[in-house]
Amino acid sequence: MNQPDEASLRAAVIVGILRYTKIAIDSDAGQIRMCSVGEPYSESKLKQVSTSLRVQGNTLDFAVIANANVSSQRLAKCDVLITGEDFSFDNAILNQYQGLSICDGCTQPNADYVVELIKNDKRIGFNVNLILAEKRKVTFSSSLLELASKVIRSEK
């Protein structure tokens, strides 16, 4: 039996998260604008499948942003921001971002993201920061939160 590669698993987890998440999008556009920066593991697979998927009745529009081109204005056009381990710039730009941020390649826990994908053994899981999600008007279904490895509910 063939096992899917890690990039495919990570992309599937991201799409699954989107299916059970409410984010503020331009309802007239009929699409969720996804952006990747810093070469997240899932980038190539998401780019490949985004044209054929629909999430909550919306098409997925996927764009890759080069690290050198990251700005607050550019990120404002992204409903979902997926970052990889090569993502590096002033955290002030990320702190101004108002959509669903997903770290797909964080090497250390990072409170600047709403969702962090994590790898435990050969499984891909995720952590959720509900404090940041609330600030960004991102809502998760209770069934999705039950699947999370860790849910941050309050600041310590």
N, C-alpha and C. Protein backbone atom coordinates (compact mmCIF):
# COMPACT_ATOMS: atom_id res chain seq x y z
N MET A 1 0.84 -1.17 0.00
CA MET A 1 0.00 0.00 0.00
C MET A 1 0.89 1.24 0.00
N ASN A 2 0.63 2.16 -0.93
CA ASN A 2 1.42 3.39 -1.02
C ASN A 2 0.94 4.41 0.00
N GLN A 3 1.90 4.97 0.72
CA GLN A 3 1.59 6.03 1.67
C GLN A 3 1.76 7.37 0.97
N PRO A 4 0.87 8.33 1.22
CA PRO A 4 1.04 9.65 0.61
C PRO A 4 2.31 10.32 1.16
N ASP A 5 2.92 11.16 0.33
CA ASP A 5 4.11 11.86 0.79
C ASP A 5 3.72 12.94 1.80
N GLU A 6 4.71 13.44 2.52
CA GLU A 6 4.45 14.40 3.59
C GLU A 6 3.79 15.69 3.08
N ALA A 7 4.21 16.17 1.93
CA ALA A 7 3.63 17.39 1.38
C ALA A 7 2.13 17.21 1.11
N SER A 8 1.75 16.04 0.60
CA SER A 8 0.33 15.75 0.34
C SER A 8 -0.46 15.70 1.63
N LEU A 9 0.11 15.09 2.66
CA LEU A 9 -0.57 15.03 3.96
C LEU A 9 -0.77 16.42 4.54
N ARG A 10 0.27 17.23 4.47
CA ARG A 10 0.18 18.59 5.00
C ARG A 10 -0.87 19.41 4.23
N ALA A 11 -0.89 19.28 2.91
CA ALA A 11 -1.88 19.98 2.11
C ALA A 11 -3.29 19.52 2.46
N ALA A 12 -3.47 18.22 2.67
CA ALA A 12 -4.78 17.68 3.03
C ALA A 12 -5.24 18.22 4.40
N VAL A 13 -4.32 18.33 5.33
CA VAL A 13 -4.65 18.87 6.66
C VAL A 13 -5.08 20.33 6.51
N ILE A 14 -4.37 21.11 5.72
CA ILE A 14 -4.73 22.52 5.52
C ILE A 14 -6.11 22.65 4.90
N VAL A 15 -6.38 21.88 3.86
CA VAL A 15 -7.70 21.94 3.22
C VAL A 15 -8.78 21.49 4.21
N GLY A 16 -8.49 20.46 5.00
CA GLY A 16 -9.44 20.01 6.02
C GLY A 16 -9.72 21.10 7.05
N ILE A 17 -8.69 21.80 7.46
CA ILE A 17 -8.87 22.90 8.41
C ILE A 17 -9.77 23.97 7.79
N LEU A 18 -9.53 24.30 6.53
CA LEU A 18 -10.35 25.32 5.86
C LEU A 18 -11.82 24.91 5.78
N ARG A 19 -12.09 23.64 5.63
CA ARG A 19 -13.47 23.16 5.52
C ARG A 19 -14.26 23.39 6.81
N TYR A 20 -13.57 23.44 7.94
CA TYR A 20 -14.24 23.58 9.24
C TYR A 20 -13.87 24.88 9.94
N THR A 21 -13.56 25.90 9.14
CA THR A 21 -13.16 27.19 9.68
C THR A 21 -13.92 28.30 8.98
N LYS A 22 -14.35 29.28 9.76
CA LYS A 22 -14.99 30.46 9.18
C LYS A 22 -13.98 31.59 9.22
N ILE A 23 -13.72 32.16 8.03
CA ILE A 23 -12.83 33.30 7.94
C ILE A 23 -13.55 34.40 7.17
N ALA A 24 -13.13 35.63 7.41
CA ALA A 24 -13.73 36.75 6.70
C ALA A 24 -13.17 36.80 5.29
N ILE A 25 -14.05 36.60 4.31
CA ILE A 25 -13.63 36.71 2.91
C ILE A 25 -14.62 37.62 2.19
N ASP A 26 -14.20 38.12 1.05
CA ASP A 26 -15.07 38.93 0.21
C ASP A 26 -16.09 37.99 -0.42
N SER A 27 -17.31 38.02 0.07
CA SER A 27 -18.33 37.06 -0.39
C SER A 27 -18.66 37.22 -1.87
N ASP A 28 -18.45 38.41 -2.44
CA ASP A 28 -18.71 38.62 -3.86
C ASP A 28 -17.69 37.90 -4.74
N ALA A 29 -16.50 37.67 -4.21
CA ALA A 29 -15.44 37.07 -5.01
C ALA A 29 -15.67 35.58 -5.25
N GLY A 30 -16.29 34.91 -4.28
CA GLY A 30 -16.54 33.48 -4.42
C GLY A 30 -15.27 32.65 -4.38
N GLN A 31 -14.23 33.22 -3.81
CA GLN A 31 -12.98 32.48 -3.72
C GLN A 31 -12.24 32.81 -2.42
N ILE A 32 -11.46 31.84 -1.99
CA ILE A 32 -10.58 32.03 -0.84
C ILE A 32 -9.18 32.25 -1.42
N ARG A 33 -8.60 33.39 -1.10
CA ARG A 33 -7.28 33.72 -1.61
C ARG A 33 -6.22 33.20 -0.65
N MET A 34 -5.49 32.19 -1.11
CA MET A 34 -4.44 31.58 -0.31
C MET A 34 -3.08 32.06 -0.82
N CYS A 35 -2.20 32.41 0.09
CA CYS A 35 -0.86 32.85 -0.28
C CYS A 35 0.16 32.03 0.50
N SER A 36 1.27 31.72 -0.15
CA SER A 36 2.34 31.04 0.56
C SER A 36 3.61 31.86 0.42
N VAL A 37 4.42 31.80 1.46
CA VAL A 37 5.70 32.50 1.48
C VAL A 37 6.67 31.68 2.32
N GLY A 38 7.91 31.64 1.92
CA GLY A 38 8.91 30.91 2.69
C GLY A 38 8.96 29.42 2.42
N GLU A 39 8.39 29.00 1.31
CA GLU A 39 8.40 27.61 0.88
C GLU A 39 7.86 26.61 1.92
N PRO A 40 6.59 26.74 2.28
CA PRO A 40 6.00 25.73 3.16
C PRO A 40 6.04 24.35 2.50
N TYR A 41 6.09 23.30 3.31
CA TYR A 41 6.14 21.94 2.78
C TYR A 41 5.00 21.65 1.81
N SER A 42 3.83 22.20 2.09
CA SER A 42 2.62 21.91 1.31
C SER A 42 2.48 22.74 0.04
N GLU A 43 3.36 23.68 -0.20
CA GLU A 43 3.20 24.64 -1.28
C GLU A 43 2.94 24.01 -2.64
N SER A 44 3.78 23.09 -3.07
CA SER A 44 3.62 22.53 -4.41
C SER A 44 2.32 21.75 -4.55
N LYS A 45 1.93 21.01 -3.52
CA LYS A 45 0.68 20.24 -3.58
C LYS A 45 -0.54 21.15 -3.57
N LEU A 46 -0.51 22.19 -2.74
CA LEU A 46 -1.65 23.11 -2.70
C LEU A 46 -1.78 23.85 -4.03
N LYS A 47 -0.67 24.23 -4.60
CA LYS A 47 -0.67 24.90 -5.90
C LYS A 47 -1.29 23.97 -6.96
N GLN A 48 -0.93 22.70 -6.88
CA GLN A 48 -1.38 21.69 -7.84
C GLN A 48 -2.89 21.43 -7.74
N VAL A 49 -3.41 21.32 -6.52
CA VAL A 49 -4.81 20.92 -6.35
C VAL A 49 -5.78 22.08 -6.18
N SER A 50 -5.29 23.28 -5.92
CA SER A 50 -6.17 24.39 -5.59
C SER A 50 -7.16 24.72 -6.70
N THR A 51 -6.76 24.54 -7.94
CA THR A 51 -7.65 24.88 -9.05
C THR A 51 -8.86 23.95 -9.16
N SER A 52 -8.75 22.76 -8.60
CA SER A 52 -9.84 21.79 -8.73
C SER A 52 -10.66 21.63 -7.45
N LEU A 53 -10.33 22.35 -6.40
CA LEU A 53 -11.05 22.20 -5.12
C LEU A 53 -12.00 23.36 -4.86
N ARG A 54 -13.05 23.03 -4.14
CA ARG A 54 -13.97 24.04 -3.62
C ARG A 54 -14.07 23.82 -2.12
N VAL A 55 -14.04 24.92 -1.39
CA VAL A 55 -14.16 24.86 0.06
C VAL A 55 -15.28 25.80 0.47
N GLN A 56 -16.28 25.25 1.13
CA GLN A 56 -17.45 26.01 1.57
C GLN A 56 -18.06 26.79 0.40
N GLY A 57 -18.09 26.16 -0.77
CA GLY A 57 -18.68 26.78 -1.95
C GLY A 57 -17.78 27.78 -2.66
N ASN A 58 -16.56 27.95 -2.19
CA ASN A 58 -15.63 28.90 -2.78
C ASN A 58 -14.51 28.17 -3.50
N THR A 59 -14.04 28.76 -4.60
CA THR A 59 -12.85 28.22 -5.26
C THR A 59 -11.63 28.69 -4.47
N LEU A 60 -10.51 28.03 -4.70
CA LEU A 60 -9.26 28.42 -4.05
C LEU A 60 -8.36 29.10 -5.08
N ASP A 61 -7.89 30.28 -4.74
CA ASP A 61 -6.94 31.00 -5.57
C ASP A 61 -5.61 30.96 -4.82
N PHE A 62 -4.60 30.34 -5.41
CA PHE A 62 -3.32 30.13 -4.72
C PHE A 62 -2.22 30.96 -5.37
N ALA A 63 -1.49 31.70 -4.55
CA ALA A 63 -0.39 32.52 -5.05
C ALA A 63 0.84 32.33 -4.17
N VAL A 64 2.00 32.35 -4.80
CA VAL A 64 3.27 32.27 -4.08
C VAL A 64 3.87 33.68 -4.05
N ILE A 65 4.26 34.12 -2.86
CA ILE A 65 4.88 35.43 -2.69
C ILE A 65 6.34 35.21 -2.30
N ALA A 66 7.23 35.86 -3.00
CA ALA A 66 8.65 35.78 -2.67
C ALA A 66 8.91 36.56 -1.39
N ASN A 67 9.82 36.05 -0.55
CA ASN A 67 10.15 36.74 0.71
C ASN A 67 10.44 38.22 0.48
N ALA A 68 11.15 38.53 -0.60
CA ALA A 68 11.53 39.91 -0.87
C ALA A 68 10.33 40.80 -1.18
N ASN A 69 9.20 40.21 -1.56
CA ASN A 69 8.02 40.98 -1.94
C ASN A 69 6.95 41.04 -0.85
N VAL A 70 7.26 40.55 0.35
CA VAL A 70 6.28 40.54 1.42
C VAL A 70 6.10 41.96 1.97
N SER A 71 4.85 42.38 2.03
CA SER A 71 4.52 43.68 2.62
C SER A 71 3.13 43.57 3.23
N SER A 72 2.80 44.50 4.09
CA SER A 72 1.46 44.50 4.70
C SER A 72 0.38 44.61 3.64
N GLN A 73 0.63 45.44 2.60
CA GLN A 73 -0.35 45.63 1.53
C GLN A 73 -0.55 44.33 0.75
N ARG A 74 0.51 43.62 0.50
CA ARG A 74 0.42 42.37 -0.26
C ARG A 74 -0.32 41.31 0.56
N LEU A 75 0.01 41.21 1.85
CA LEU A 75 -0.64 40.21 2.70
C LEU A 75 -2.12 40.53 2.91
N ALA A 76 -2.48 41.79 2.85
CA ALA A 76 -3.89 42.18 3.03
C ALA A 76 -4.77 41.56 1.95
N LYS A 77 -4.18 41.14 0.83
CA LYS A 77 -4.94 40.53 -0.25
C LYS A 77 -5.08 39.02 -0.07
N CYS A 78 -4.56 38.49 1.03
CA CYS A 78 -4.59 37.04 1.29
C CYS A 78 -5.58 36.73 2.41
N ASP A 79 -6.52 35.83 2.14
CA ASP A 79 -7.43 35.37 3.19
C ASP A 79 -6.73 34.37 4.10
N VAL A 80 -5.85 33.57 3.51
CA VAL A 80 -5.11 32.54 4.24
C VAL A 80 -3.64 32.70 3.88
N LEU A 81 -2.80 32.79 4.90
CA LEU A 81 -1.36 32.91 4.70
C LEU A 81 -0.68 31.65 5.24
N ILE A 82 0.04 30.96 4.36
CA ILE A 82 0.74 29.73 4.75
C ILE A 82 2.23 30.01 4.63
N THR A 83 2.94 29.87 5.73
CA THR A 83 4.37 30.18 5.72
C THR A 83 5.20 28.94 5.97
N GLY A 84 6.40 28.96 5.44
CA GLY A 84 7.35 27.87 5.64
C GLY A 84 8.51 28.31 6.49
N GLU A 85 9.45 27.41 6.69
CA GLU A 85 10.58 27.71 7.57
C GLU A 85 11.51 28.77 7.01
N ASP A 86 11.45 29.04 5.70
CA ASP A 86 12.30 30.06 5.10
C ASP A 86 11.67 31.44 5.14
N PHE A 87 10.55 31.57 5.83
CA PHE A 87 9.83 32.83 5.94
C PHE A 87 10.53 33.70 6.98
N SER A 88 11.08 34.81 6.53
CA SER A 88 11.77 35.68 7.49
C SER A 88 11.57 37.14 7.11
N PHE A 89 11.00 37.89 8.02
CA PHE A 89 10.89 39.34 7.88
C PHE A 89 10.46 39.87 9.24
N ASP A 90 10.31 41.15 9.32
CA ASP A 90 9.93 41.81 10.56
C ASP A 90 8.57 41.26 11.03
N ASN A 91 8.51 40.78 12.26
CA ASN A 91 7.26 40.22 12.80
C ASN A 91 6.13 41.25 12.84
N ALA A 92 6.47 42.52 12.76
CA ALA A 92 5.43 43.55 12.76
C ALA A 92 4.50 43.37 11.57
N ILE A 93 5.03 42.95 10.44
CA ILE A 93 4.19 42.72 9.26
C ILE A 93 3.22 41.58 9.53
N LEU A 94 3.72 40.49 10.11
CA LEU A 94 2.85 39.35 10.42
C LEU A 94 1.82 39.75 11.47
N ASN A 95 2.20 40.55 12.44
CA ASN A 95 1.26 40.97 13.48
C ASN A 95 0.14 41.84 12.93
N GLN A 96 0.37 42.53 11.82
CA GLN A 96 -0.67 43.35 11.20
C GLN A 96 -1.62 42.53 10.34
N TYR A 97 -1.21 41.34 9.97
CA TYR A 97 -2.02 40.48 9.10
C TYR A 97 -3.31 40.10 9.82
N GLN A 98 -4.44 40.15 9.12
CA GLN A 98 -5.73 39.93 9.75
C GLN A 98 -6.46 38.66 9.32
N GLY A 99 -5.83 37.77 8.58
CA GLY A 99 -6.50 36.55 8.14
C GLY A 99 -6.05 35.33 8.92
N LEU A 100 -6.31 34.18 8.36
CA LEU A 100 -5.91 32.90 8.95
C LEU A 100 -4.45 32.64 8.58
N SER A 101 -3.58 32.61 9.58
CA SER A 101 -2.17 32.34 9.34
C SER A 101 -1.84 30.92 9.77
N ILE A 102 -1.14 30.21 8.88
CA ILE A 102 -0.79 28.81 9.13
C ILE A 102 0.71 28.67 8.94
N CYS A 103 1.40 28.17 9.94
CA CYS A 103 2.83 27.90 9.82
C CYS A 103 3.02 26.43 9.46
N ASP A 104 3.55 26.20 8.28
CA ASP A 104 3.81 24.85 7.79
C ASP A 104 5.32 24.68 7.65
N GLY A 105 5.96 24.50 8.79
CA GLY A 105 7.40 24.35 8.80
C GLY A 105 8.06 25.06 9.96
N CYS A 106 7.27 25.52 10.92
CA CYS A 106 7.85 26.16 12.10
C CYS A 106 8.71 25.14 12.84
N THR A 107 9.90 25.56 13.22
CA THR A 107 10.76 24.65 13.97
C THR A 107 10.59 24.85 15.47
N GLN A 108 10.05 25.98 15.87
CA GLN A 108 9.78 26.27 17.28
C GLN A 108 8.33 26.73 17.41
N PRO A 109 7.70 26.47 18.56
CA PRO A 109 6.34 26.99 18.76
C PRO A 109 6.34 28.51 18.56
N ASN A 110 5.31 29.02 17.90
CA ASN A 110 5.27 30.44 17.56
C ASN A 110 3.86 30.97 17.79
N ALA A 111 3.72 31.93 18.69
CA ALA A 111 2.42 32.49 19.04
C ALA A 111 1.91 33.47 17.98
N ASP A 112 2.67 33.71 16.92
CA ASP A 112 2.25 34.65 15.87
C ASP A 112 1.34 34.01 14.83
N TYR A 113 1.05 32.73 14.96
CA TYR A 113 0.23 32.01 13.98
C TYR A 113 -1.05 31.49 14.62
N VAL A 114 -2.13 31.49 13.85
CA VAL A 114 -3.39 30.94 14.33
C VAL A 114 -3.29 29.41 14.37
N VAL A 115 -2.65 28.83 13.34
CA VAL A 115 -2.49 27.37 13.27
C VAL A 115 -1.03 27.04 12.98
N GLU A 116 -0.52 26.05 13.68
CA GLU A 116 0.81 25.53 13.40
C GLU A 116 0.68 24.06 13.04
N LEU A 117 1.19 23.66 11.89
CA LEU A 117 1.23 22.24 11.56
C LEU A 117 2.42 21.64 12.27
N ILE A 118 2.23 20.45 12.83
CA ILE A 118 3.31 19.78 13.55
C ILE A 118 3.43 18.34 13.06
N LYS A 119 4.60 17.80 13.25
CA LYS A 119 4.81 16.41 12.86
C LYS A 119 5.18 15.62 14.11
N ASN A 120 4.39 14.59 14.40
CA ASN A 120 4.67 13.66 15.50
C ASN A 120 4.83 12.29 14.88
N ASP A 121 6.01 11.74 15.00
CA ASP A 121 6.35 10.49 14.33
C ASP A 121 6.08 10.67 12.84
N LYS A 122 5.17 9.91 12.28
CA LYS A 122 4.86 10.03 10.86
C LYS A 122 3.50 10.69 10.63
N ARG A 123 2.93 11.27 11.68
CA ARG A 123 1.61 11.88 11.58
C ARG A 123 1.73 13.40 11.54
N ILE A 124 0.84 14.02 10.79
CA ILE A 124 0.77 15.48 10.73
C ILE A 124 -0.43 15.91 11.57
N GLY A 125 -0.17 16.77 12.53
CA GLY A 125 -1.22 17.31 13.38
C GLY A 125 -1.15 18.83 13.35
N PHE A 126 -1.88 19.46 14.25
CA PHE A 126 -1.88 20.92 14.28
C PHE A 126 -2.22 21.43 15.67
N ASN A 127 -1.68 22.61 15.96
CA ASN A 127 -1.99 23.36 17.17
C ASN A 127 -2.80 24.57 16.75
N VAL A 128 -3.69 25.03 17.63
CA VAL A 128 -4.55 26.18 17.34
C VAL A 128 -4.40 27.22 18.44
N ASN A 129 -4.23 28.47 18.05
CA ASN A 129 -4.15 29.59 18.98
C ASN A 129 -5.48 30.33 18.92
N LEU A 130 -6.38 30.03 19.85
CA LEU A 130 -7.72 30.64 19.84
C LEU A 130 -7.67 32.12 20.22
N ILE A 131 -6.67 32.53 20.96
CA ILE A 131 -6.54 33.95 21.33
C ILE A 131 -6.34 34.78 20.07
N LEU A 132 -5.39 34.37 19.25
CA LEU A 132 -5.11 35.08 18.00
C LEU A 132 -6.26 34.91 17.01
N ALA A 133 -6.86 33.74 16.98
CA ALA A 133 -7.99 33.49 16.07
C ALA A 133 -9.13 34.47 16.37
N GLU A 134 -9.42 34.68 17.63
CA GLU A 134 -10.50 35.59 18.01
C GLU A 134 -10.17 37.02 17.56
N LYS A 135 -8.92 37.44 17.74
CA LYS A 135 -8.51 38.78 17.32
C LYS A 135 -8.67 38.96 15.81
N ARG A 136 -8.49 37.88 15.06
CA ARG A 136 -8.56 37.95 13.60
C ARG A 136 -9.91 37.51 13.05
N LYS A 137 -10.87 37.31 13.94
CA LYS A 137 -12.23 36.92 13.55
C LYS A 137 -12.26 35.60 12.77
N VAL A 138 -11.45 34.66 13.24
CA VAL A 138 -11.40 33.31 12.67
C VAL A 138 -12.10 32.39 13.67
N THR A 139 -13.04 31.59 13.19
CA THR A 139 -13.80 30.69 14.06
C THR A 139 -13.65 29.26 13.57
N PHE A 140 -13.38 28.37 14.50
CA PHE A 140 -13.21 26.95 14.18
C PHE A 140 -14.40 26.16 14.70
N SER A 141 -14.77 25.11 13.99
CA SER A 141 -15.83 24.24 14.49
C SER A 141 -15.31 23.48 15.70
N SER A 142 -16.21 23.10 16.58
CA SER A 142 -15.80 22.36 17.77
C SER A 142 -15.21 21.00 17.40
N SER A 143 -15.71 20.39 16.33
CA SER A 143 -15.17 19.08 15.93
C SER A 143 -13.73 19.22 15.43
N LEU A 144 -13.39 20.33 14.79
CA LEU A 144 -12.01 20.55 14.36
C LEU A 144 -11.11 20.75 15.58
N LEU A 145 -11.58 21.51 16.54
CA LEU A 145 -10.77 21.76 17.74
C LEU A 145 -10.50 20.48 18.52
N GLU A 146 -11.43 19.53 18.46
CA GLU A 146 -11.22 18.25 19.13
C GLU A 146 -10.07 17.47 18.49
N LEU A 147 -9.80 17.71 17.21
CA LEU A 147 -8.72 17.02 16.51
C LEU A 147 -7.36 17.67 16.72
N ALA A 148 -7.35 18.90 17.22
CA ALA A 148 -6.09 19.62 17.42
C ALA A 148 -5.24 18.95 18.49
N SER A 149 -3.93 18.97 18.28
CA SER A 149 -3.01 18.42 19.27
C SER A 149 -2.96 19.30 20.50
N LYS A 150 -3.04 20.62 20.27
CA LYS A 150 -2.98 21.58 21.39
C LYS A 150 -3.84 22.79 21.01
N VAL A 151 -4.62 23.27 21.96
CA VAL A 151 -5.43 24.45 21.76
C VAL A 151 -5.05 25.47 22.83
N ILE A 152 -4.56 26.62 22.40
CA ILE A 152 -4.21 27.69 23.33
C ILE A 152 -5.45 28.54 23.51
N ARG A 153 -5.96 28.57 24.73
CA ARG A 153 -7.22 29.27 25.01
C ARG A 153 -7.03 30.56 25.80
N SER A 154 -5.93 30.68 26.51
CA SER A 154 -5.71 31.89 27.29
C SER A 154 -4.22 32.19 27.38
N GLU A 155 -3.93 33.47 27.59
CA GLU A 155 -2.53 33.88 27.72
C GLU A 155 -2.07 33.56 29.13
N LYS A 156 -0.83 33.11 29.21
CA LYS A 156 -0.30 32.76 30.54
C LYS A 156 0.72 33.75 30.99
